Protein backbone atom coordinates (compact mmCIF):
# COMPACT_ATOMS: atom_id res chain seq x y z
CA MET A 1 -35.28 2.76 2.03
CA SER A 2 -37.59 4.96 -0.04
CA ASP A 3 -34.93 6.48 -2.12
CA TYR A 4 -33.42 2.84 -3.24
CA GLN A 5 -32.58 3.23 -6.92
CA PRO A 6 -32.86 0.36 -9.73
CA GLY A 7 -29.61 -1.16 -10.88
CA ARG A 8 -29.07 -4.69 -9.67
CA ARG A 9 -27.91 -7.49 -11.85
CA VAL A 10 -30.93 -9.59 -12.47
CA ARG A 11 -30.29 -13.41 -12.16
CA ARG A 12 -31.65 -15.37 -15.31
CA ARG A 13 -30.17 -18.71 -14.86
CA GLY A 14 -30.76 -19.80 -11.28
CA LEU A 15 -29.15 -22.95 -10.29
CA SER A 16 -28.34 -24.40 -13.71
CA ILE A 17 -25.03 -22.92 -13.50
CA LEU A 18 -24.20 -24.48 -10.26
CA TRP A 19 -25.57 -27.77 -11.29
CA SER A 20 -23.54 -27.76 -14.23
CA PHE A 21 -20.41 -27.30 -11.90
CA TYR A 22 -21.33 -30.10 -9.75
CA PHE A 23 -21.83 -32.37 -12.76
CA LEU A 24 -18.48 -31.76 -14.23
CA PHE A 25 -16.78 -32.16 -10.74
CA ALA A 26 -18.64 -35.48 -10.53
CA PHE A 27 -17.14 -36.72 -13.82
CA ILE A 28 -14.06 -35.38 -12.90
CA THR A 29 -14.02 -37.33 -9.75
CA CYS A 30 -15.10 -40.71 -10.99
CA SER A 31 -13.07 -40.41 -13.92
CA SER A 32 -9.64 -40.34 -11.51
CA LEU A 33 -11.02 -43.69 -9.64
CA ASP A 34 -11.00 -47.37 -10.53
CA GLY A 35 -13.41 -50.20 -9.81
CA ASP A 36 -15.50 -50.28 -6.62
CA ALA A 37 -14.26 -46.83 -5.67
CA ARG A 38 -15.84 -45.36 -8.80
CA SER A 39 -18.72 -47.36 -8.37
CA ALA A 40 -19.48 -46.21 -4.63
CA THR A 41 -18.69 -42.64 -5.83
CA ILE A 42 -20.91 -42.57 -8.81
CA ILE A 43 -23.91 -43.85 -6.86
CA VAL A 44 -23.23 -41.53 -3.75
CA LEU A 45 -22.84 -38.36 -6.21
CA GLY A 46 -25.99 -39.48 -8.31
CA ALA A 47 -28.04 -39.78 -5.45
CA LEU A 48 -27.29 -36.39 -3.93
CA PRO A 49 -29.28 -34.33 -6.84
CA PHE A 50 -31.88 -36.84 -6.43
CA ALA A 51 -32.16 -36.53 -2.36
CA TYR A 52 -32.08 -32.71 -3.13
CA GLY A 53 -34.84 -32.46 -5.75
CA VAL A 54 -37.43 -34.91 -3.45
CA ILE A 55 -36.47 -32.29 -0.48
CA ARG A 56 -36.92 -29.30 -2.40
CA LYS A 57 -40.07 -30.24 -3.96
CA SER A 58 -41.67 -31.22 -0.72
CA ILE A 59 -40.62 -27.77 0.89
CA VAL A 60 -42.30 -25.97 -2.09
CA ALA A 61 -45.28 -28.17 -2.03
CA ARG A 62 -45.69 -27.22 1.70
CA PHE A 63 -45.16 -23.50 1.22
CA ASN A 64 -47.75 -23.51 -1.71
CA ALA A 65 -50.36 -25.34 0.53
CA VAL A 66 -49.77 -22.49 3.06
CA ASN A 67 -49.38 -19.58 0.61
CA ARG A 68 -52.52 -20.00 -1.33
CA PRO A 69 -54.89 -19.31 1.47
CA GLY A 70 -52.83 -15.93 1.76
CA LEU A 71 -53.17 -15.09 -1.82
CA GLU A 72 -57.29 -15.43 -1.15
CA GLN A 73 -57.16 -13.15 2.26
CA LEU A 74 -55.31 -10.73 0.07
CA ARG A 75 -58.41 -9.95 -2.09
CA ASP A 76 -60.65 -9.39 0.96
CA ASP A 77 -58.53 -8.87 4.11
CA PRO A 78 -55.25 -7.67 3.47
CA ALA A 79 -54.33 -7.09 7.32
CA ASP A 80 -55.03 -10.97 7.61
CA ALA A 81 -53.17 -11.42 4.55
CA GLU A 82 -50.10 -9.62 5.87
CA ARG A 83 -49.90 -11.80 9.14
CA THR A 84 -50.32 -14.78 7.15
CA PHE A 85 -47.18 -13.75 4.89
CA ALA A 86 -45.16 -12.95 7.72
CA GLU A 87 -45.82 -16.29 9.33
CA ILE A 88 -44.84 -17.87 6.13
CA GLU A 89 -41.59 -15.87 5.96
CA ARG A 90 -40.63 -16.99 9.52
CA ARG A 91 -41.17 -20.64 8.51
CA PHE A 92 -39.34 -20.89 5.51
CA ARG A 93 -35.80 -20.44 5.54
CA TRP A 94 -34.72 -22.43 2.49
CA PRO A 95 -34.98 -22.32 -0.28
CA ARG A 96 -34.59 -18.75 0.29
CA TYR A 97 -36.38 -17.29 -2.67
CA LEU A 98 -39.56 -18.88 -0.74
CA ARG A 99 -38.95 -16.18 2.00
CA ARG A 100 -38.39 -13.51 -0.71
CA ILE A 101 -41.85 -14.34 -2.38
CA SER A 102 -43.36 -14.33 0.89
CA ALA A 103 -42.14 -10.72 1.50
CA TYR A 104 -42.80 -9.73 -1.75
CA ASN A 105 -46.80 -11.06 -1.01
CA ARG A 106 -46.62 -9.10 2.45
CA ALA A 107 -45.71 -5.97 0.42
CA ILE A 108 -48.81 -6.28 -1.59
CA ALA A 109 -50.66 -6.69 1.64
CA LEU A 110 -49.21 -3.47 2.88
CA LEU A 111 -49.97 -1.68 0.09
CA LYS A 112 -53.58 -2.51 -0.03
CA GLN A 113 -53.70 -1.42 3.42
CA GLY A 114 -52.30 2.03 2.67
CA GLN A 115 -49.10 1.34 4.43
CA LEU A 116 -47.02 2.52 1.17
CA ASP A 117 -43.56 3.33 2.99
CA GLU A 118 -43.67 0.36 4.81
CA ALA A 119 -44.34 -1.81 1.36
CA VAL A 120 -41.39 0.24 -0.60
CA GLY A 121 -39.01 -0.73 2.54
CA VAL A 122 -40.18 -4.78 2.14
CA LEU A 123 -39.64 -4.79 -1.61
CA VAL A 124 -36.33 -2.74 -1.17
CA GLU A 125 -35.10 -5.60 1.19
CA VAL A 126 -36.06 -8.11 -1.41
CA GLU A 127 -34.49 -6.57 -4.16
CA GLN A 128 -31.10 -6.11 -1.73
CA HIS A 129 -31.08 -9.79 -1.12
CA GLY A 130 -31.39 -10.83 -4.97
CA GLY A 131 -35.05 -10.41 -5.80
CA VAL A 132 -36.91 -13.69 -7.24
CA ILE A 133 -36.52 -14.89 -10.72
CA GLY A 134 -39.96 -14.62 -12.37
CA LEU A 135 -41.01 -12.07 -10.09
CA ASP A 136 -38.29 -9.30 -10.57
CA ALA A 137 -40.31 -7.26 -13.25
CA ALA A 138 -43.23 -7.26 -10.70
CA ILE A 139 -41.02 -6.02 -8.15
CA ALA A 140 -40.00 -3.30 -10.18
CA ALA A 141 -43.63 -2.51 -11.40
CA ASN A 142 -44.84 -2.35 -7.80
CA LEU A 143 -41.95 0.26 -6.69
CA ALA A 144 -42.83 2.12 -9.59
CA TYR A 145 -46.52 2.28 -8.57
CA LEU A 146 -46.08 2.63 -4.84
CA HIS A 147 -43.34 5.66 -5.65
CA ALA A 148 -45.82 7.23 -7.69
CA LEU A 149 -48.74 6.76 -5.40
CA CYS A 150 -46.53 8.70 -2.68
CA GLY A 151 -45.59 11.46 -5.32
CA ARG A 152 -41.67 10.47 -5.86
CA ILE A 153 -42.07 10.95 -9.59
CA GLU A 154 -38.24 10.52 -10.63
CA LEU A 155 -38.05 7.09 -8.57
CA ALA A 156 -41.25 6.27 -9.82
CA GLU A 157 -40.14 6.68 -13.74
CA ALA A 158 -36.99 4.98 -12.87
CA TRP A 159 -38.43 1.91 -11.84
CA GLN A 160 -40.86 2.06 -14.64
CA ALA A 161 -37.87 1.97 -17.12
CA GLU A 162 -36.29 -0.81 -14.83
CA VAL A 163 -39.54 -2.85 -15.70
CA SER A 164 -38.73 -2.94 -19.19
CA ARG A 165 -34.91 -3.60 -18.70
CA ARG A 166 -35.86 -6.74 -16.89
CA ALA A 167 -39.09 -8.02 -18.85
CA GLY A 168 -38.16 -6.44 -22.33
CA PRO A 169 -41.07 -5.41 -24.71
CA GLN A 170 -44.41 -6.63 -23.38
CA PRO A 171 -47.51 -7.01 -25.54
CA GLY A 172 -50.86 -5.58 -24.07
CA LEU A 173 -50.97 -3.30 -21.11
CA PRO A 174 -49.27 -5.09 -18.18
CA HIS A 175 -48.23 -1.82 -16.20
CA VAL A 176 -51.06 0.45 -17.11
CA LEU A 177 -52.11 1.13 -13.68
CA THR A 178 -48.36 2.25 -12.96
CA ASP A 179 -48.52 4.54 -16.04
CA ILE A 180 -51.66 6.27 -15.01
CA ALA A 181 -50.60 7.11 -11.59
CA ILE A 182 -47.56 8.73 -13.03
CA GLU A 183 -49.08 10.66 -15.71
CA LEU A 184 -51.58 12.04 -13.29
CA ARG A 185 -48.81 12.95 -10.67
CA LYS A 186 -47.18 14.70 -13.62
CA GLY A 187 -50.43 16.76 -13.62
CA HIS A 188 -51.26 15.21 -17.37
CA ALA A 189 -54.62 14.37 -16.40
CA ALA A 190 -56.30 16.09 -19.85
CA GLU A 191 -53.96 14.33 -21.95
CA LEU A 192 -54.47 11.10 -20.05
CA ARG A 193 -57.96 11.12 -20.24
CA ASN A 194 -57.83 11.13 -24.12
CA ARG A 195 -55.32 8.54 -24.32
CA LEU A 196 -57.45 6.34 -21.98
CA ASP A 197 -60.62 7.07 -23.93
CA ASP A 198 -58.64 5.61 -26.79
CA GLN A 199 -57.28 2.83 -25.10
CA TRP A 200 -60.48 1.66 -23.12
CA ARG A 201 -61.65 -1.21 -24.83
CA ALA A 202 -58.15 -2.75 -24.83
CA ILE A 203 -57.81 -2.01 -21.19
CA GLU A 204 -60.95 -3.83 -20.43
CA ALA A 205 -59.99 -6.54 -22.42
CA ALA A 206 -56.51 -6.90 -20.81
CA LEU A 207 -57.70 -6.34 -17.18
CA THR A 208 -60.28 -8.09 -15.61
CA GLY A 209 -62.11 -8.08 -12.06
CA ALA A 210 -60.10 -6.80 -9.23
CA ARG A 211 -57.24 -5.65 -11.52
CA LEU A 212 -59.40 -3.05 -13.44
CA ARG A 213 -61.15 -1.60 -10.57
CA PRO A 214 -58.25 0.58 -9.25
CA VAL A 215 -57.85 1.55 -13.12
CA ARG A 216 -61.57 2.58 -13.26
CA VAL A 217 -61.05 4.81 -10.15
CA LEU A 218 -57.95 6.71 -11.62
CA ARG A 219 -59.58 6.96 -14.76
CA ALA A 220 -62.77 8.49 -13.10
CA PHE A 221 -59.85 10.83 -11.13
CA ALA A 222 -58.52 11.83 -14.33
CA ILE A 223 -61.75 12.91 -15.81
CA ALA A 224 -62.43 14.94 -12.58
CA GLN A 225 -59.02 16.54 -12.85
CA SER A 226 -59.51 17.41 -16.49
CA SER A 227 -63.30 18.36 -16.21
CA ASP A 228 -64.85 22.24 -16.06
CA ILE A 229 -68.42 23.08 -14.91
CA ARG A 230 -69.59 22.02 -18.31
CA ASP A 231 -69.18 18.29 -18.07
CA ALA A 232 -68.97 18.18 -14.54
CA GLY A 233 -71.36 14.80 -14.59
CA ALA A 234 -68.77 12.85 -16.81
CA VAL A 235 -67.13 11.26 -13.36
CA GLU A 236 -70.27 9.12 -12.48
CA PRO A 237 -70.37 7.06 -15.92
CA ALA A 238 -66.76 6.31 -14.97
CA LEU A 239 -67.46 4.92 -11.95
CA ALA A 240 -70.96 3.16 -12.62
CA ALA A 241 -69.44 -0.22 -13.24
CA LEU A 242 -68.04 -0.04 -9.75
CA ARG A 243 -71.19 0.69 -8.13
CA PRO A 244 -71.33 -0.14 -5.18
CA ALA A 245 -67.99 0.81 -4.36
CA ARG A 246 -66.93 1.84 -0.89
CA TYR A 247 -64.26 4.35 0.14
CA ALA A 248 -62.46 1.83 2.15
CA GLU A 249 -61.81 -0.33 -0.78
CA PHE A 250 -59.59 2.74 -2.48
CA ALA A 251 -58.54 4.54 0.56
CA TYR A 252 -54.90 3.29 0.16
CA LEU A 253 -54.67 5.06 -3.01
CA GLY A 254 -54.92 8.17 -1.44
CA LYS A 255 -53.02 7.75 1.60
CA GLN A 256 -50.00 9.84 0.33
CA TRP A 257 -51.87 11.73 -2.26
CA PRO A 258 -54.46 14.52 -0.49
CA GLU A 259 -56.30 15.51 -3.93
CA LEU A 260 -57.19 11.81 -4.78
CA ASP A 261 -58.11 11.01 -1.13
CA GLN A 262 -60.75 13.90 -1.15
CA PHE A 263 -61.83 12.78 -4.38
CA LEU A 264 -62.76 9.40 -3.06
CA ARG A 265 -64.19 10.53 -0.06
CA ALA A 266 -66.73 12.67 -2.26
CA ASN A 267 -67.40 9.93 -4.78
CA LEU A 268 -67.46 6.73 -3.19
CA THR A 269 -69.78 5.28 -0.08
């Protein structure tokens, strides 16, 4: 599945078109009836959408209740989060998009554990089953990021372009981590270093907390890749904001990237 290419038609309207047909059908049906038959049909056809909405809302509320702890686990224990999301996938069969949301979250847990190809496989399955309205751009962005970490540059760039097709022009720097990984994989460390120096204030403003930490690591790696003996000490200031940082937190970044793994082992405890 690792060579799966973008190109799926992205759905925009969800159930709105189906409900439009339903209400058109209800109108035509009721128009052809008279008296008590029309009244009874109106009640039945009107009650169905209401019942559907109540049941669906209840299921989504239960999903959110069990999904929230998984998202909290994702920050601190990706292995536990993976098991939680796998169980949610098994429990929630309808609406079907809930299973795909759980699979997406499970893919992120696999990424955090360094199981990069497995994460790609899960996201490809989500893609092949129709994706998730509202998450389709994020699915493409994570596939681009995963392929970059694995060294599959052409696929990474293809999925990176797919993000723009799905999300359109976006303000700020929403996918800077993927951009950095691709540029480093292409050997553009010096150019990337200069660009990050120019953009760093904007990046720190756009990405905070856990989202910024891997960006700091890859920036430091870009500095190391573009440095010579005269500025060998330039890496430490870039990592200073992460201290104390442990190798285990970022080990997933170098699972299929030997040079990055060596850098992580040398510079993190």
